[in-house]
């Protein structure tokens, strides 16, 4: 009785759903068929059945089948008996699915749902940074579970790397939206005309952006200036209308109340100018907020498109691998 220990060259590209086919060749190195004849004591079907019963509850691997054939190796005038056995085993993937794939899918789902956080009132960037940090710790744990071999990189490692790259892209999108919304706090900076035309008009129509009930779609940028000039002309026409009673020769009370009326007109003019400036600041703030919301809506759709394309590629690769096996 001999116990032989051999090694198998593992192909881990489809880890943890890999199926390995290990071949073993037995033969006499020195004795030809004139000296030693080799043959299996049992048929290969009996070997497979006995081995399946023996390895029924053996750890990570599951025996699929044992195949074999006998042949004669001819070299010159000498011949040798050769027995070749193929042992087909597959990995039990439940441990890796539970510990690797499901947590990664949950983290990606949380990253997608984070786009529903209001970007103007919640620090979404901090949340995504925490999420990326947690995913990095998850990748460190994953390295201990992946098999170490020089035959190549398993597809699951590429999957995790792309997931991390998608999270970084999501963080960059959040940085862009935060930068746009920061302009809403800059009271003096107006929205450029090309931004209003491209973002608030064309992109909003392209992505079917639903405007809030209290916000109307932006009009043409040139319509704001004539309105402000008309309002200024109206404010300057207040004083002549009030000064007309003071010019009447028979009214002494009108002349006495003239300084008070001028002061009241000045106060009203300052109040009106202040209200107009506050209204303009609120309009600028609302416009920058709407630009940020439209871009956030657009980038979220682009992010979903990237994830969908990535999922389709993974599914296609999986189907091709299944058909080949």
C-alpha atoms as a PDB file:
ATOM      1  CA  UNK A   1       0.000   0.000   0.000  1.00  0.00           C
ATOM      2  CA  UNK A   2       1.348   3.368  -0.988  1.00  0.00           C
ATOM      3  CA  UNK A   3       0.063   6.849  -0.345  1.00  0.00           C
ATOM      4  CA  UNK A   4       1.042   9.260  -3.079  1.00  0.00           C
ATOM      5  CA  UNK A   5       0.789  13.047  -2.738  1.00  0.00           C
ATOM      6  CA  UNK A   6       0.469  15.079  -5.919  1.00  0.00           C
ATOM      7  CA  UNK A   7      -0.351  18.666  -6.905  1.00  0.00           C
ATOM      8  CA  UNK A   8      -2.941  20.014  -9.292  1.00  0.00           C
ATOM      9  CA  UNK A   9      -2.608  23.131 -11.389  1.00  0.00           C
ATOM     10  CA  UNK A  10      -5.730  25.098 -10.430  1.00  0.00           C
ATOM     11  CA  UNK A  11      -7.535  27.447 -12.796  1.00  0.00           C
ATOM     12  CA  UNK A  12      -9.121  30.052 -10.510  1.00  0.00           C
ATOM     13  CA  UNK A  13     -10.483  32.488 -13.087  1.00  0.00           C
ATOM     14  CA  UNK A  14     -14.070  31.525 -12.212  1.00  0.00           C
ATOM     15  CA  UNK A  15     -13.450  31.338  -8.451  1.00  0.00           C
ATOM     16  CA  UNK A  16     -15.487  30.482  -6.335  1.00  0.00           C
ATOM     17  CA  UNK A  17     -17.563  28.661  -8.964  1.00  0.00           C
ATOM     18  CA  UNK A  18     -14.578  26.866 -10.448  1.00  0.00           C
ATOM     19  CA  UNK A  19     -14.434  23.244 -11.565  1.00  0.00           C
ATOM     20  CA  UNK A  20     -10.997  21.629 -11.616  1.00  0.00           C
ATOM     21  CA  UNK A  21      -9.868  18.720 -13.769  1.00  0.00           C
ATOM     22  CA  UNK A  22      -6.744  17.139 -12.319  1.00  0.00           C
ATOM     23  CA  UNK A  23      -4.970  14.415 -14.292  1.00  0.00           C
ATOM     24  CA  UNK A  24      -2.789  11.659 -12.828  1.00  0.00           C
ATOM     25  CA  UNK A  25      -0.664   9.323 -14.909  1.00  0.00           C
ATOM     26  CA  UNK A  26       0.661   6.015 -13.501  1.00  0.00           C
ATOM     27  CA  UNK A  27       3.234   3.814 -15.159  1.00  0.00           C
ATOM     28  CA  UNK A  28       6.499   1.980 -14.704  1.00  0.00           C
ATOM     29  CA  UNK A  29       9.550   4.080 -15.350  1.00  0.00           C
ATOM     30  CA  UNK A  30      12.024   1.213 -15.813  1.00  0.00           C
ATOM     31  CA  UNK A  31      10.051  -1.920 -16.646  1.00  0.00           C
ATOM     32  CA  UNK A  32       8.350  -2.518 -19.975  1.00  0.00           C
ATOM     33  CA  UNK A  33       5.251  -4.654 -20.573  1.00  0.00           C
ATOM     34  CA  UNK A  34       7.522  -7.688 -20.854  1.00  0.00           C
ATOM     35  CA  UNK A  35       8.404  -7.251 -17.172  1.00  0.00           C
ATOM     36  CA  UNK A  36       5.392  -5.525 -15.537  1.00  0.00           C
ATOM     37  CA  UNK A  37       1.747  -5.232 -16.666  1.00  0.00           C
ATOM     38  CA  UNK A  38      -0.356  -2.477 -15.100  1.00  0.00           C
ATOM     39  CA  UNK A  39      -4.139  -2.340 -14.954  1.00  0.00           C
ATOM     40  CA  UNK A  40      -6.882  -0.926 -12.695  1.00  0.00           C
ATOM     41  CA  UNK A  41      -8.158  -3.256 -10.014  1.00  0.00           C
ATOM     42  CA  UNK A  42     -11.654  -1.746 -10.295  1.00  0.00           C
ATOM     43  CA  UNK A  43     -13.498  -0.142 -13.128  1.00  0.00           C
ATOM     44  CA  UNK A  44     -13.412   3.639 -13.244  1.00  0.00           C
ATOM     45  CA  UNK A  45     -17.144   3.811 -12.472  1.00  0.00           C
ATOM     46  CA  UNK A  46     -16.557   1.796  -9.281  1.00  0.00           C
ATOM     47  CA  UNK A  47     -13.614   4.033  -8.379  1.00  0.00           C
ATOM     48  CA  UNK A  48     -15.821   7.107  -8.822  1.00  0.00           C
ATOM     49  CA  UNK A  49     -18.629   5.684  -6.685  1.00  0.00           C
ATOM     50  CA  UNK A  50     -16.323   4.617  -3.864  1.00  0.00           C
ATOM     51  CA  UNK A  51     -14.511   7.952  -3.894  1.00  0.00           C
ATOM     52  CA  UNK A  52     -17.778   9.912  -3.783  1.00  0.00           C
ATOM     53  CA  UNK A  53     -18.847   8.038  -0.684  1.00  0.00           C
ATOM     54  CA  UNK A  54     -15.467   8.656   0.912  1.00  0.00           C
ATOM     55  CA  UNK A  55     -15.379  12.379   0.038  1.00  0.00           C
ATOM     56  CA  UNK A  56     -19.062  13.002   0.639  1.00  0.00           C
ATOM     57  CA  UNK A  57     -18.512  15.413   3.548  1.00  0.00           C
ATOM     58  CA  UNK A  58     -14.937  16.431   2.899  1.00  0.00           C
ATOM     59  CA  UNK A  59     -14.449  20.149   3.404  1.00  0.00           C
ATOM     60  CA  UNK A  60     -14.462  22.716   0.624  1.00  0.00           C
ATOM     61  CA  UNK A  61     -14.325  20.465  -2.434  1.00  0.00           C
ATOM     62  CA  UNK A  62     -16.924  18.177  -3.938  1.00  0.00           C
ATOM     63  CA  UNK A  63     -16.008  15.224  -6.139  1.00  0.00           C
ATOM     64  CA  UNK A  64     -17.842  15.336  -9.463  1.00  0.00           C
ATOM     65  CA  UNK A  65     -16.482  12.296 -11.276  1.00  0.00           C
ATOM     66  CA  UNK A  66     -13.426  10.126 -11.868  1.00  0.00           C
ATOM     67  CA  UNK A  67     -12.587   9.197 -15.455  1.00  0.00           C
ATOM     68  CA  UNK A  68      -9.718   7.145 -16.768  1.00  0.00           C
ATOM     69  CA  UNK A  69      -8.236   5.131 -19.578  1.00  0.00           C
ATOM     70  CA  UNK A  70      -5.447   2.610 -20.099  1.00  0.00           C
ATOM     71  CA  UNK A  71      -2.979   2.915 -22.951  1.00  0.00           C
ATOM     72  CA  UNK A  72       0.391   1.624 -24.104  1.00  0.00           C
ATOM     73  CA  UNK A  73       3.304   4.003 -24.560  1.00  0.00           C
ATOM     74  CA  UNK A  74       5.563   2.978 -27.423  1.00  0.00           C
ATOM     75  CA  UNK A  75       9.126   4.216 -27.728  1.00  0.00           C
ATOM     76  CA  UNK A  76      11.203   2.395 -30.284  1.00  0.00           C
ATOM     77  CA  UNK A  77      10.844  -1.339 -29.769  1.00  0.00           C
ATOM     78  CA  UNK A  78       9.858  -0.975 -26.097  1.00  0.00           C
ATOM     79  CA  UNK A  79       6.340  -0.526 -24.722  1.00  0.00           C
ATOM     80  CA  UNK A  80       5.040   0.579 -21.310  1.00  0.00           C
ATOM     81  CA  UNK A  81       1.641   0.318 -19.694  1.00  0.00           C
ATOM     82  CA  UNK A  82       0.120   3.732 -18.836  1.00  0.00           C
ATOM     83  CA  UNK A  83      -2.960   4.424 -16.705  1.00  0.00           C
ATOM     84  CA  UNK A  84      -4.361   7.989 -16.890  1.00  0.00           C
ATOM     85  CA  UNK A  85      -6.973   9.127 -14.367  1.00  0.00           C
ATOM     86  CA  UNK A  86      -8.876  12.438 -14.458  1.00  0.00           C
ATOM     87  CA  UNK A  87     -10.318  13.600 -11.162  1.00  0.00           C
ATOM     88  CA  UNK A  88     -12.998  16.281 -11.633  1.00  0.00           C
ATOM     89  CA  UNK A  89     -13.783  18.322  -8.532  1.00  0.00           C
ATOM     90  CA  UNK A  90     -15.701  21.540  -7.939  1.00  0.00           C
ATOM     91  CA  UNK A  91     -15.627  24.046  -5.143  1.00  0.00           C
ATOM     92  CA  UNK A  92     -18.520  24.577  -2.780  1.00  0.00           C
ATOM     93  CA  UNK A  93     -19.234  28.303  -3.284  1.00  0.00           C
ATOM     94  CA  UNK A  94     -21.668  28.914  -0.400  1.00  0.00           C
ATOM     95  CA  UNK A  95     -18.975  30.167   1.991  1.00  0.00           C
ATOM     96  CA  UNK A  96     -17.643  32.705  -0.514  1.00  0.00           C
ATOM     97  CA  UNK A  97     -21.080  33.828  -1.659  1.00  0.00           C
ATOM     98  CA  UNK A  98     -22.137  34.544   1.920  1.00  0.00           C
ATOM     99  CA  UNK A  99     -18.863  36.173   2.986  1.00  0.00           C
ATOM    100  CA  UNK A 100     -17.889  38.011  -0.229  1.00  0.00           C
ATOM    101  CA  UNK A 101     -20.556  38.491  -2.870  1.00  0.00           C
ATOM    102  CA  UNK A 102     -23.566  39.291  -0.681  1.00  0.00           C
ATOM    103  CA  UNK A 103     -21.769  41.930   1.500  1.00  0.00           C
ATOM    104  CA  UNK A 104     -20.329  43.550  -1.628  1.00  0.00           C
ATOM    105  CA  UNK A 105     -23.781  43.694  -3.219  1.00  0.00           C
ATOM    106  CA  UNK A 106     -25.229  45.276  -0.081  1.00  0.00           C
ATOM    107  CA  UNK A 107     -22.518  47.949  -0.034  1.00  0.00           C
ATOM    108  CA  UNK A 108     -23.125  48.744  -3.705  1.00  0.00           C
ATOM    109  CA  UNK A 109     -26.869  48.964  -3.036  1.00  0.00           C
ATOM    110  CA  UNK A 110     -26.260  51.399  -0.177  1.00  0.00           C
ATOM    111  CA  UNK A 111     -24.043  53.467  -2.458  1.00  0.00           C
ATOM    112  CA  UNK A 112     -26.832  53.652  -5.047  1.00  0.00           C
ATOM    113  CA  UNK A 113     -29.444  54.563  -2.440  1.00  0.00           C
ATOM    114  CA  UNK A 114     -27.196  57.335  -1.095  1.00  0.00           C
ATOM    115  CA  UNK A 115     -28.115  59.414  -4.152  1.00  0.00           C
ATOM    116  CA  UNK A 116     -31.564  59.845  -2.627  1.00  0.00           C
ATOM    117  CA  UNK A 117     -30.071  61.832   0.240  1.00  0.00           C
ATOM    118  CA  UNK A 118     -30.777  65.550  -0.251  1.00  0.00           C
ATOM    119  CA  UNK A 119     -27.456  67.021  -1.375  1.00  0.00           C
ATOM    120  CA  UNK A 120     -28.261  70.537  -0.149  1.00  0.00           C
ATOM    121  CA  UNK A 121     -28.940  69.685   3.496  1.00  0.00           C
ATOM    122  CA  UNK A 122     -26.986  66.450   4.104  1.00  0.00           C
ATOM    123  CA  UNK A 123     -23.243  65.928   3.845  1.00  0.00           C
ATOM    124  CA  UNK A 124     -23.415  63.126   1.305  1.00  0.00           C
ATOM    125  CA  UNK A 125     -19.648  63.181   0.675  1.00  0.00           C
ATOM    126  CA  UNK A 126     -18.868  62.147   4.272  1.00  0.00           C
ATOM    127  CA  UNK A 127     -21.319  59.273   3.998  1.00  0.00           C
ATOM    128  CA  UNK A 128     -19.710  58.042   0.780  1.00  0.00           C
ATOM    129  CA  UNK A 129     -16.206  58.382   2.237  1.00  0.00           C
ATOM    130  CA  UNK A 130     -17.279  56.210   5.166  1.00  0.00           C
ATOM    131  CA  UNK A 131     -18.745  53.727   2.721  1.00  0.00           C
ATOM    132  CA  UNK A 132     -15.505  53.561   0.708  1.00  0.00           C
ATOM    133  CA  UNK A 133     -13.524  53.096   3.916  1.00  0.00           C
ATOM    134  CA  UNK A 134     -15.766  50.191   4.898  1.00  0.00           C
ATOM    135  CA  UNK A 135     -15.396  48.655   1.440  1.00  0.00           C
ATOM    136  CA  UNK A 136     -11.596  48.943   1.707  1.00  0.00           C
ATOM    137  CA  UNK A 137     -11.675  47.026   4.990  1.00  0.00           C
ATOM    138  CA  UNK A 138     -13.877  44.474   3.272  1.00  0.00           C
ATOM    139  CA  UNK A 139     -11.272  44.068   0.498  1.00  0.00           C
ATOM    140  CA  UNK A 140      -8.567  43.438   3.094  1.00  0.00           C
ATOM    141  CA  UNK A 141     -10.659  40.626   4.547  1.00  0.00           C
ATOM    142  CA  UNK A 142     -11.292  39.305   1.044  1.00  0.00           C
ATOM    143  CA  UNK A 143      -7.569  38.890   0.356  1.00  0.00           C
ATOM    144  CA  UNK A 144      -7.363  36.280   3.104  1.00  0.00           C
ATOM    145  CA  UNK A 145     -10.132  34.228   1.503  1.00  0.00           C
ATOM    146  CA  UNK A 146      -8.929  34.326  -2.095  1.00  0.00           C
ATOM    147  CA  UNK A 147      -6.609  31.483  -3.180  1.00  0.00           C
ATOM    148  CA  UNK A 148      -3.005  32.451  -3.776  1.00  0.00           C
ATOM    149  CA  UNK A 149      -1.787  31.253  -7.158  1.00  0.00           C
ATOM    150  CA  UNK A 150       0.313  32.542 -10.006  1.00  0.00           C
ATOM    151  CA  UNK A 151      -2.001  31.303 -12.757  1.00  0.00           C
ATOM    152  CA  UNK A 152      -3.931  34.536 -13.003  1.00  0.00           C
ATOM    153  CA  UNK A 153      -6.395  36.852 -11.306  1.00  0.00           C
ATOM    154  CA  UNK A 154      -9.844  35.488 -10.497  1.00  0.00           C
ATOM    155  CA  UNK A 155     -12.761  37.322 -11.995  1.00  0.00           C
ATOM    156  CA  UNK A 156     -14.141  38.000  -8.537  1.00  0.00           C
ATOM    157  CA  UNK A 157     -11.069  40.131  -7.800  1.00  0.00           C
ATOM    158  CA  UNK A 158     -11.741  42.170 -10.944  1.00  0.00           C
ATOM    159  CA  UNK A 159     -15.359  42.469  -9.858  1.00  0.00           C
ATOM    160  CA  UNK A 160     -14.400  43.926  -6.481  1.00  0.00           C
ATOM    161  CA  UNK A 161     -11.904  46.334  -8.061  1.00  0.00           C
ATOM    162  CA  UNK A 162     -14.526  47.657 -10.469  1.00  0.00           C
ATOM    163  CA  UNK A 163     -17.006  48.030  -7.604  1.00  0.00           C
ATOM    164  CA  UNK A 164     -14.459  50.131  -5.725  1.00  0.00           C
ATOM    165  CA  UNK A 165     -13.865  52.215  -8.859  1.00  0.00           C
ATOM    166  CA  UNK A 166     -17.632  52.798  -9.194  1.00  0.00           C
ATOM    167  CA  UNK A 167     -17.771  53.977  -5.587  1.00  0.00           C
ATOM    168  CA  UNK A 168     -14.938  56.427  -6.273  1.00  0.00           C
ATOM    169  CA  UNK A 169     -16.821  57.708  -9.338  1.00  0.00           C
ATOM    170  CA  UNK A 170     -19.895  58.131  -7.155  1.00  0.00           C
ATOM    171  CA  UNK A 171     -17.842  60.176  -4.690  1.00  0.00           C
ATOM    172  CA  UNK A 172     -16.517  62.371  -7.517  1.00  0.00           C
ATOM    173  CA  UNK A 173     -20.074  63.013  -8.667  1.00  0.00           C
ATOM    174  CA  UNK A 174     -20.977  64.070  -5.141  1.00  0.00           C
ATOM    175  CA  UNK A 175     -17.990  66.435  -5.070  1.00  0.00           C
ATOM    176  CA  UNK A 176     -19.207  68.051  -8.312  1.00  0.00           C
ATOM    177  CA  UNK A 177     -22.728  68.506  -6.948  1.00  0.00           C
ATOM    178  CA  UNK A 178     -21.398  69.940  -3.675  1.00  0.00           C
ATOM    179  CA  UNK A 179     -19.267  72.419  -5.616  1.00  0.00           C
ATOM    180  CA  UNK A 180     -22.270  73.538  -7.673  1.00  0.00           C
ATOM    181  CA  UNK A 181     -24.479  73.930  -4.610  1.00  0.00           C
ATOM    182  CA  UNK A 182     -21.732  75.925  -2.887  1.00  0.00           C
ATOM    183  CA  UNK A 183     -22.332  78.693  -5.413  1.00  0.00           C
ATOM    184  CA  UNK A 184     -25.797  79.184  -3.945  1.00  0.00           C
ATOM    185  CA  UNK A 185     -24.157  80.643  -0.827  1.00  0.00           C
ATOM    186  CA  UNK A 186     -22.225  83.151  -2.967  1.00  0.00           C
ATOM    187  CA  UNK A 187     -24.861  85.854  -3.238  1.00  0.00           C
ATOM    188  CA  UNK A 188     -23.144  87.954  -5.880  1.00  0.00           C
ATOM    189  CA  UNK A 189     -22.316  85.216  -8.396  1.00  0.00           C
ATOM    190  CA  UNK A 190     -24.981  84.792 -11.015  1.00  0.00           C
ATOM    191  CA  UNK A 191     -25.681  81.653 -13.001  1.00  0.00           C
ATOM    192  CA  UNK A 192     -23.992  81.943 -16.422  1.00  0.00           C
ATOM    193  CA  UNK A 193     -26.311  82.094 -19.393  1.00  0.00           C
ATOM    194  CA  UNK A 194     -24.847  78.994 -21.004  1.00  0.00           C
ATOM    195  CA  UNK A 195     -25.401  77.035 -17.774  1.00  0.00           C
ATOM    196  CA  UNK A 196     -29.038  78.118 -17.684  1.00  0.00           C
ATOM    197  CA  UNK A 197     -29.546  77.178 -21.319  1.00  0.00           C
ATOM    198  CA  UNK A 198     -27.631  73.887 -21.298  1.00  0.00           C
ATOM    199  CA  UNK A 199     -28.454  72.566 -17.824  1.00  0.00           C
ATOM    200  CA  UNK A 200     -31.789  74.056 -16.831  1.00  0.00           C
ATOM    201  CA  UNK A 201     -33.327  73.854 -20.282  1.00  0.00           C
ATOM    202  CA  UNK A 202     -31.850  71.175 -22.525  1.00  0.00           C
ATOM    203  CA  UNK A 203     -30.545  68.671 -19.969  1.00  0.00           C
ATOM    204  CA  UNK A 204     -33.651  69.030 -17.794  1.00  0.00           C
ATOM    205  CA  UNK A 205     -35.843  68.291 -20.813  1.00  0.00           C
ATOM    206  CA  UNK A 206     -33.602  65.421 -21.879  1.00  0.00           C
ATOM    207  CA  UNK A 207     -33.774  63.592 -18.561  1.00  0.00           C
ATOM    208  CA  UNK A 208     -37.441  64.537 -17.984  1.00  0.00           C
ATOM    209  CA  UNK A 209     -36.643  66.400 -14.793  1.00  0.00           C
ATOM    210  CA  UNK A 210     -39.758  67.073 -12.712  1.00  0.00           C
ATOM    211  CA  UNK A 211     -39.721  70.613 -11.393  1.00  0.00           C
ATOM    212  CA  UNK A 212     -41.036  71.242  -7.870  1.00  0.00           C
ATOM    213  CA  UNK A 213     -44.488  72.807  -7.567  1.00  0.00           C
ATOM    214  CA  UNK A 214     -43.141  76.083  -6.148  1.00  0.00           C
ATOM    215  CA  UNK A 215     -40.431  76.400  -8.823  1.00  0.00           C
ATOM    216  CA  UNK A 216     -41.127  77.311 -12.406  1.00  0.00           C
ATOM    217  CA  UNK A 217     -38.881  76.301 -15.322  1.00  0.00           C
ATOM    218  CA  UNK A 218     -36.383  79.077 -16.142  1.00  0.00           C
ATOM    219  CA  UNK A 219     -37.266  81.551 -18.851  1.00  0.00           C
ATOM    220  CA  UNK A 220     -34.886  83.205 -21.261  1.00  0.00           C
ATOM    221  CA  UNK A 221     -32.015  85.024 -19.503  1.00  0.00           C
ATOM    222  CA  UNK A 222     -32.669  88.292 -21.369  1.00  0.00           C
ATOM    223  CA  UNK A 223     -36.040  88.806 -19.730  1.00  0.00           C
ATOM    224  CA  UNK A 224     -34.615  89.807 -16.341  1.00  0.00           C
ATOM    225  CA  UNK A 225     -32.964  93.108 -17.306  1.00  0.00           C
ATOM    226  CA  UNK A 226     -36.034  94.945 -18.720  1.00  0.00           C
ATOM    227  CA  UNK A 227     -38.000  94.057 -15.612  1.00  0.00           C
ATOM    228  CA  UNK A 228     -35.368  95.558 -13.307  1.00  0.00           C
ATOM    229  CA  UNK A 229     -35.187  98.764 -15.395  1.00  0.00           C
ATOM    230  CA  UNK A 230     -38.954  99.185 -15.258  1.00  0.00           C
ATOM    231  CA  UNK A 231     -38.951  98.754 -11.497  1.00  0.00           C
ATOM    232  CA  UNK A 232     -36.264 101.407 -11.125  1.00  0.00           C
ATOM    233  CA  UNK A 233     -38.229 103.864 -13.256  1.00  0.00           C
ATOM    234  CA  UNK A 234     -41.285 103.337 -11.122  1.00  0.00           C
ATOM    235  CA  UNK A 235     -39.307 104.051  -7.946  1.00  0.00           C
ATOM    236  CA  UNK A 236     -38.017 107.312  -9.383  1.00  0.00           C
ATOM    237  CA  UNK A 237     -41.525 108.455 -10.305  1.00  0.00           C
ATOM    238  CA  UNK A 238     -42.720 108.443  -6.704  1.00  0.00           C
ATOM    239  CA  UNK A 239     -41.303 111.819  -5.679  1.00  0.00           C
ATOM    240  CA  UNK A 240     -42.872 113.979  -8.441  1.00  0.00           C
ATOM    241  CA  UNK A 241     -46.307 112.566  -7.634  1.00  0.00           C
ATOM    242  CA  UNK A 242     -45.935 113.490  -3.977  1.00  0.00           C
ATOM    243  CA  UNK A 243     -44.331 116.885  -4.564  1.00  0.00           C
ATOM    244  CA  UNK A 244     -47.281 118.282  -6.544  1.00  0.00           C
ATOM    245  CA  UNK A 245     -49.307 119.322  -3.442  1.00  0.00           C
ATOM    246  CA  UNK A 246     -46.392 121.416  -2.134  1.00  0.00           C
ATOM    247  CA  UNK A 247     -46.355 123.647  -5.248  1.00  0.00           C
ATOM    248  CA  UNK A 248     -49.936 124.881  -4.729  1.00  0.00           C
ATOM    249  CA  UNK A 249     -49.832 128.535  -3.428  1.00  0.00           C
ATOM    250  CA  UNK A 250     -52.756 128.181  -1.032  1.00  0.00           C
ATOM    251  CA  UNK A 251     -51.530 125.170   0.946  1.00  0.00           C
ATOM    252  CA  UNK A 252     -49.180 125.993   3.851  1.00  0.00           C
ATOM    253  CA  UNK A 253     -49.567 122.522   5.371  1.00  0.00           C
ATOM    254  CA  UNK A 254     -48.143 120.922   2.263  1.00  0.00           C
ATOM    255  CA  UNK A 255     -44.995 123.054   2.482  1.00  0.00           C
ATOM    256  CA  UNK A 256     -44.566 122.213   6.157  1.00  0.00           C
ATOM    257  CA  UNK A 257     -44.851 118.479   5.569  1.00  0.00           C
ATOM    258  CA  UNK A 258     -42.487 118.470   2.598  1.00  0.00           C
ATOM    259  CA  UNK A 259     -39.293 117.353   4.509  1.00  0.00           C
ATOM    260  CA  UNK A 260     -41.189 114.551   6.227  1.00  0.00           C
ATOM    261  CA  UNK A 261     -42.583 113.311   2.906  1.00  0.00           C
ATOM    262  CA  UNK A 262     -39.114 113.348   1.375  1.00  0.00           C
ATOM    263  CA  UNK A 263     -37.746 111.354   4.298  1.00  0.00           C
ATOM    264  CA  UNK A 264     -40.618 108.866   4.016  1.00  0.00           C
ATOM    265  CA  UNK A 265     -39.993 108.532   0.281  1.00  0.00           C
ATOM    266  CA  UNK A 266     -36.318 107.936   0.945  1.00  0.00           C
ATOM    267  CA  UNK A 267     -37.132 105.242   3.515  1.00  0.00           C
ATOM    268  CA  UNK A 268     -39.575 103.616   1.117  1.00  0.00           C
ATOM    269  CA  UNK A 269     -37.027 103.687  -1.682  1.00  0.00           C
ATOM    270  CA  UNK A 270     -34.356 102.105   0.521  1.00  0.00           C
ATOM    271  CA  UNK A 271     -36.827  99.471   1.707  1.00  0.00           C
ATOM    272  CA  UNK A 272     -37.877  98.689  -1.852  1.00  0.00           C
ATOM    273  CA  UNK A 273     -34.248  98.425  -2.993  1.00  0.00           C
ATOM    274  CA  UNK A 274     -33.486  96.119  -0.073  1.00  0.00           C
ATOM    275  CA  UNK A 275     -36.461  93.907  -0.863  1.00  0.00           C
ATOM    276  CA  UNK A 276     -35.476  93.792  -4.529  1.00  0.00           C
ATOM    277  CA  UNK A 277     -31.920  92.757  -3.600  1.00  0.00           C
ATOM    278  CA  UNK A 278     -33.237  90.056  -1.268  1.00  0.00           C
ATOM    279  CA  UNK A 279     -35.554  88.779  -3.979  1.00  0.00           C
ATOM    280  CA  UNK A 280     -32.685  88.689  -6.478  1.00  0.00           C
ATOM    281  CA  UNK A 281     -30.460  86.845  -4.000  1.00  0.00           C
ATOM    282  CA  UNK A 282     -33.198  84.293  -3.395  1.00  0.00           C
ATOM    283  CA  UNK A 283     -33.666  83.854  -7.120  1.00  0.00           C
ATOM    284  CA  UNK A 284     -29.914  83.297  -7.604  1.00  0.00           C
ATOM    285  CA  UNK A 285     -29.875  80.804  -4.740  1.00  0.00           C
ATOM    286  CA  UNK A 286     -32.832  78.924  -6.201  1.00  0.00           C
ATOM    287  CA  UNK A 287     -31.236  78.878  -9.651  1.00  0.00           C
ATOM    288  CA  UNK A 288     -27.952  77.431  -8.359  1.00  0.00           C
ATOM    289  CA  UNK A 289     -29.895  74.881  -6.324  1.00  0.00           C
ATOM    290  CA  UNK A 290     -31.878  73.859  -9.391  1.00  0.00           C
ATOM    291  CA  UNK A 291     -28.659  73.543 -11.405  1.00  0.00           C
ATOM    292  CA  UNK A 292     -27.276  71.254  -8.693  1.00  0.00           C
ATOM    293  CA  UNK A 293     -30.457  69.182  -8.563  1.00  0.00           C
ATOM    294  CA  UNK A 294     -30.581  68.747 -12.346  1.00  0.00           C
ATOM    295  CA  UNK A 295     -26.907  67.707 -12.472  1.00  0.00           C
ATOM    296  CA  UNK A 296     -27.445  65.357  -9.546  1.00  0.00           C
ATOM    297  CA  UNK A 297     -30.399  63.789 -11.354  1.00  0.00           C
ATOM    298  CA  UNK A 298     -28.322  63.446 -14.538  1.00  0.00           C
ATOM    299  CA  UNK A 299     -25.242  61.972 -12.821  1.00  0.00           C
ATOM    300  CA  UNK A 300     -27.397  59.523 -10.900  1.00  0.00           C
ATOM    301  CA  UNK A 301     -28.856  58.254 -14.181  1.00  0.00           C
ATOM    302  CA  UNK A 302     -25.367  57.976 -15.658  1.00  0.00           C
ATOM    303  CA  UNK A 303     -24.215  56.054 -12.580  1.00  0.00           C
ATOM    304  CA  UNK A 304     -27.143  53.665 -12.895  1.00  0.00           C
ATOM    305  CA  UNK A 305     -26.293  53.187 -16.585  1.00  0.00           C
ATOM    306  CA  UNK A 306     -22.678  52.315 -15.716  1.00  0.00           C
ATOM    307  CA  UNK A 307     -23.769  49.796 -13.094  1.00  0.00           C
ATOM    308  CA  UNK A 308     -26.303  48.260 -15.491  1.00  0.00           C
ATOM    309  CA  UNK A 309     -23.686  47.875 -18.237  1.00  0.00           C
ATOM    310  CA  UNK A 310     -21.266  46.390 -15.740  1.00  0.00           C
ATOM    311  CA  UNK A 311     -23.895  43.906 -14.541  1.00  0.00           C
ATOM    312  CA  UNK A 312     -24.662  42.919 -18.141  1.00  0.00           C
ATOM    313  CA  UNK A 313     -20.967  42.276 -18.829  1.00  0.00           C
ATOM    314  CA  UNK A 314     -20.686  40.099 -15.717  1.00  0.00           C
ATOM    315  CA  UNK A 315     -23.807  38.142 -16.674  1.00  0.00           C
ATOM    316  CA  UNK A 316     -22.560  37.608 -20.243  1.00  0.00           C
ATOM    317  CA  UNK A 317     -19.177  36.406 -19.009  1.00  0.00           C
ATOM    318  CA  UNK A 318     -20.932  34.082 -16.589  1.00  0.00           C
ATOM    319  CA  UNK A 319     -23.146  32.649 -19.349  1.00  0.00           C
ATOM    320  CA  UNK A 320     -20.148  32.096 -21.621  1.00  0.00           C
ATOM    321  CA  UNK A 321     -18.273  30.325 -18.837  1.00  0.00           C
ATOM    322  CA  UNK A 322     -21.298  28.128 -18.061  1.00  0.00           C
ATOM    323  CA  UNK A 323     -21.667  27.146 -21.724  1.00  0.00           C
ATOM    324  CA  UNK A 324     -17.993  26.235 -21.964  1.00  0.00           C
ATOM    325  CA  UNK A 325     -18.068  24.080 -18.866  1.00  0.00           C
END
